[in-house]
Amino acid sequence: AMSKSAVKISSDLLSNPLCEQEPSFLEMVTAFDTAMKRMDSFNQEKISIIQAIIISGNILFSSVFPSLNMAVKRREQTLQDYKRLQSKVEKYEEKERTGPVLAKLHQ
């Protein structure tokens, strides 16, 4: 937006009536206008390159993130299973130590 504003300012200066009266002013404003247009085209190239890099990076990592999410889900499921089994172990440890209770505790 800033480079677009600079191009607009330079074109407005170029259309100023003072440019018709002063050839040296016209020369300076023309040079300024040329520089601003170059800067704008350079910025547009930079923007397109940056966008291409970001998009290609997102495509590259989009294949990684689903497997990462699946790994997190598997970990959460395993953690829930562990907590469930841990509570069973604690329950059997509190009971009287008989044959069936010891067998289940061993399992």
C-alpha atoms as a PDB file:
ATOM      1  CA  ALA A   1       0.000   0.000   0.000  1.00  0.00           C
ATOM      2  CA  MET A   2       2.891   2.301   0.773  1.00  0.00           C
ATOM      3  CA  SER A   3       4.528   1.859  -2.615  1.00  0.00           C
ATOM      4  CA  LYS A   4       1.145   2.329  -4.334  1.00  0.00           C
ATOM      5  CA  SER A   5       0.751   5.596  -2.424  1.00  0.00           C
ATOM      6  CA  ALA A   6       4.234   6.694  -3.473  1.00  0.00           C
ATOM      7  CA  VAL A   7       3.404   5.966  -7.125  1.00  0.00           C
ATOM      8  CA  LYS A   8       0.168   7.972  -6.794  1.00  0.00           C
ATOM      9  CA  ILE A   9       2.035  10.902  -5.255  1.00  0.00           C
ATOM     10  CA  SER A  10       4.662  10.855  -7.990  1.00  0.00           C
ATOM     11  CA  SER A  11       2.017  10.719 -10.742  1.00  0.00           C
ATOM     12  CA  ASP A  12       0.108  13.575  -9.061  1.00  0.00           C
ATOM     13  CA  LEU A  13       3.309  15.617  -8.937  1.00  0.00           C
ATOM     14  CA  LEU A  14       3.929  14.835 -12.582  1.00  0.00           C
ATOM     15  CA  SER A  15       0.524  16.213 -13.531  1.00  0.00           C
ATOM     16  CA  ASN A  16       1.135  19.398 -11.508  1.00  0.00           C
ATOM     17  CA  PRO A  17       1.098  22.608 -13.602  1.00  0.00           C
ATOM     18  CA  LEU A  18       4.476  23.603 -12.127  1.00  0.00           C
ATOM     19  CA  CYS A  19       6.083  20.824 -14.158  1.00  0.00           C
ATOM     20  CA  GLU A  20       5.046  22.600 -17.354  1.00  0.00           C
ATOM     21  CA  GLN A  21       6.647  25.855 -16.209  1.00  0.00           C
ATOM     22  CA  GLU A  22       9.911  24.545 -14.755  1.00  0.00           C
ATOM     23  CA  PRO A  23      11.854  22.052 -16.895  1.00  0.00           C
ATOM     24  CA  SER A  24      14.265  21.243 -14.041  1.00  0.00           C
ATOM     25  CA  PHE A  25      11.336  20.461 -11.734  1.00  0.00           C
ATOM     26  CA  LEU A  26       9.812  18.297 -14.466  1.00  0.00           C
ATOM     27  CA  GLU A  27      13.090  16.377 -14.765  1.00  0.00           C
ATOM     28  CA  MET A  28      13.260  15.743 -11.002  1.00  0.00           C
ATOM     29  CA  VAL A  29       9.612  14.689 -10.784  1.00  0.00           C
ATOM     30  CA  THR A  30      10.029  12.383 -13.794  1.00  0.00           C
ATOM     31  CA  ALA A  31      13.057  10.740 -12.144  1.00  0.00           C
ATOM     32  CA  PHE A  32      11.097  10.419  -8.902  1.00  0.00           C
ATOM     33  CA  ASP A  33       8.130   8.912 -10.762  1.00  0.00           C
ATOM     34  CA  THR A  34      10.379   6.399 -12.522  1.00  0.00           C
ATOM     35  CA  ALA A  35      12.010   5.425  -9.228  1.00  0.00           C
ATOM     36  CA  MET A  36       8.651   4.961  -7.498  1.00  0.00           C
ATOM     37  CA  LYS A  37       7.329   2.795 -10.344  1.00  0.00           C
ATOM     38  CA  ARG A  38      10.466   0.640 -10.186  1.00  0.00           C
ATOM     39  CA  MET A  39      10.137   0.339  -6.430  1.00  0.00           C
ATOM     40  CA  ASP A  40       6.484  -0.669  -6.809  1.00  0.00           C
ATOM     41  CA  SER A  41       7.274  -3.346  -9.388  1.00  0.00           C
ATOM     42  CA  PHE A  42      10.134  -4.644  -7.198  1.00  0.00           C
ATOM     43  CA  ASN A  43       7.781  -4.809  -4.200  1.00  0.00           C
ATOM     44  CA  GLN A  44       5.172  -6.665  -6.253  1.00  0.00           C
ATOM     45  CA  GLU A  45       7.803  -9.221  -7.305  1.00  0.00           C
ATOM     46  CA  LYS A  46       8.868  -9.634  -3.676  1.00  0.00           C
ATOM     47  CA  ILE A  47       5.282 -10.139  -2.585  1.00  0.00           C
ATOM     48  CA  SER A  48       4.642 -12.777  -5.233  1.00  0.00           C
ATOM     49  CA  ILE A  49       7.849 -14.645  -4.319  1.00  0.00           C
ATOM     50  CA  ILE A  50       7.058 -14.535  -0.607  1.00  0.00           C
ATOM     51  CA  GLN A  51       3.513 -15.756  -1.207  1.00  0.00           C
ATOM     52  CA  ALA A  52       4.805 -18.606  -3.370  1.00  0.00           C
ATOM     53  CA  ILE A  53       7.266 -19.634  -0.655  1.00  0.00           C
ATOM     54  CA  ILE A  54       4.616 -19.548   2.057  1.00  0.00           C
ATOM     55  CA  ILE A  55       2.109 -21.489  -0.015  1.00  0.00           C
ATOM     56  CA  SER A  56       4.656 -24.156  -0.974  1.00  0.00           C
ATOM     57  CA  GLY A  57       5.738 -24.385   2.667  1.00  0.00           C
ATOM     58  CA  ASN A  58       2.155 -24.891   3.778  1.00  0.00           C
ATOM     59  CA  ILE A  59       1.659 -27.614   1.184  1.00  0.00           C
ATOM     60  CA  LEU A  60       4.864 -29.308   2.345  1.00  0.00           C
ATOM     61  CA  PHE A  61       3.956 -29.274   6.027  1.00  0.00           C
ATOM     62  CA  SER A  62       0.284 -30.086   5.528  1.00  0.00           C
ATOM     63  CA  SER A  63       1.318 -33.683   4.977  1.00  0.00           C
ATOM     64  CA  VAL A  64       3.241 -33.687   8.279  1.00  0.00           C
ATOM     65  CA  PHE A  65       0.575 -32.204  10.532  1.00  0.00           C
ATOM     66  CA  PRO A  66      -2.139 -34.851  10.049  1.00  0.00           C
ATOM     67  CA  SER A  67       0.245 -37.587  11.191  1.00  0.00           C
ATOM     68  CA  LEU A  68       1.282 -35.413  14.125  1.00  0.00           C
ATOM     69  CA  ASN A  69      -2.357 -34.914  15.088  1.00  0.00           C
ATOM     70  CA  MET A  70      -2.966 -38.646  14.837  1.00  0.00           C
ATOM     71  CA  ALA A  71       0.031 -39.308  17.087  1.00  0.00           C
ATOM     72  CA  VAL A  72      -1.341 -36.876  19.685  1.00  0.00           C
ATOM     73  CA  LYS A  73      -4.743 -38.604  19.540  1.00  0.00           C
ATOM     74  CA  ARG A  74      -3.125 -42.037  19.955  1.00  0.00           C
ATOM     75  CA  ARG A  75      -1.154 -40.731  22.938  1.00  0.00           C
ATOM     76  CA  GLU A  76      -4.315 -39.352  24.553  1.00  0.00           C
ATOM     77  CA  GLN A  77      -6.106 -42.666  24.018  1.00  0.00           C
ATOM     78  CA  THR A  78      -3.175 -44.598  25.482  1.00  0.00           C
ATOM     79  CA  LEU A  79      -3.046 -42.240  28.454  1.00  0.00           C
ATOM     80  CA  GLN A  80      -6.763 -42.796  29.113  1.00  0.00           C
ATOM     81  CA  ASP A  81      -6.258 -46.554  28.890  1.00  0.00           C
ATOM     82  CA  TYR A  82      -3.342 -46.329  31.320  1.00  0.00           C
ATOM     83  CA  LYS A  83      -5.372 -44.307  33.827  1.00  0.00           C
ATOM     84  CA  ARG A  84      -8.272 -46.772  33.572  1.00  0.00           C
ATOM     85  CA  LEU A  85      -5.983 -49.746  34.155  1.00  0.00           C
ATOM     86  CA  GLN A  86      -4.152 -47.952  36.962  1.00  0.00           C
ATOM     87  CA  SER A  87      -7.438 -47.394  38.783  1.00  0.00           C
ATOM     88  CA  LYS A  88      -8.253 -51.123  38.388  1.00  0.00           C
ATOM     89  CA  VAL A  89      -4.856 -52.037  39.857  1.00  0.00           C
ATOM     90  CA  GLU A  90      -5.439 -49.722  42.808  1.00  0.00           C
ATOM     91  CA  LYS A  91      -8.889 -51.262  43.338  1.00  0.00           C
ATOM     92  CA  TYR A  92      -7.472 -54.815  43.355  1.00  0.00           C
ATOM     93  CA  GLU A  93      -4.616 -53.784  45.685  1.00  0.00           C
ATOM     94  CA  GLU A  94      -7.171 -52.538  48.222  1.00  0.00           C
ATOM     95  CA  LYS A  95      -9.075 -55.837  48.188  1.00  0.00           C
ATOM     96  CA  GLU A  96      -8.183 -58.867  50.241  1.00  0.00           C
ATOM     97  CA  ARG A  97      -5.354 -60.911  48.702  1.00  0.00           C
ATOM     98  CA  THR A  98      -7.091 -64.049  47.530  1.00  0.00           C
ATOM     99  CA  GLY A  99      -6.322 -66.279  44.561  1.00  0.00           C
ATOM    100  CA  PRO A 100      -8.668 -64.672  42.002  1.00  0.00           C
ATOM    101  CA  VAL A 101      -7.772 -61.135  43.115  1.00  0.00           C
ATOM    102  CA  LEU A 102      -4.042 -61.859  42.831  1.00  0.00           C
ATOM    103  CA  ALA A 103      -4.556 -63.367  39.359  1.00  0.00           C
ATOM    104  CA  LYS A 104      -6.452 -60.306  38.200  1.00  0.00           C
ATOM    105  CA  LEU A 105      -3.860 -58.028  39.777  1.00  0.00           C
ATOM    106  CA  HIS A 106      -1.137 -59.901  37.939  1.00  0.00           C
ATOM    107  CA  GLN A 107      -2.997 -59.405  34.652  1.00  0.00           C
END
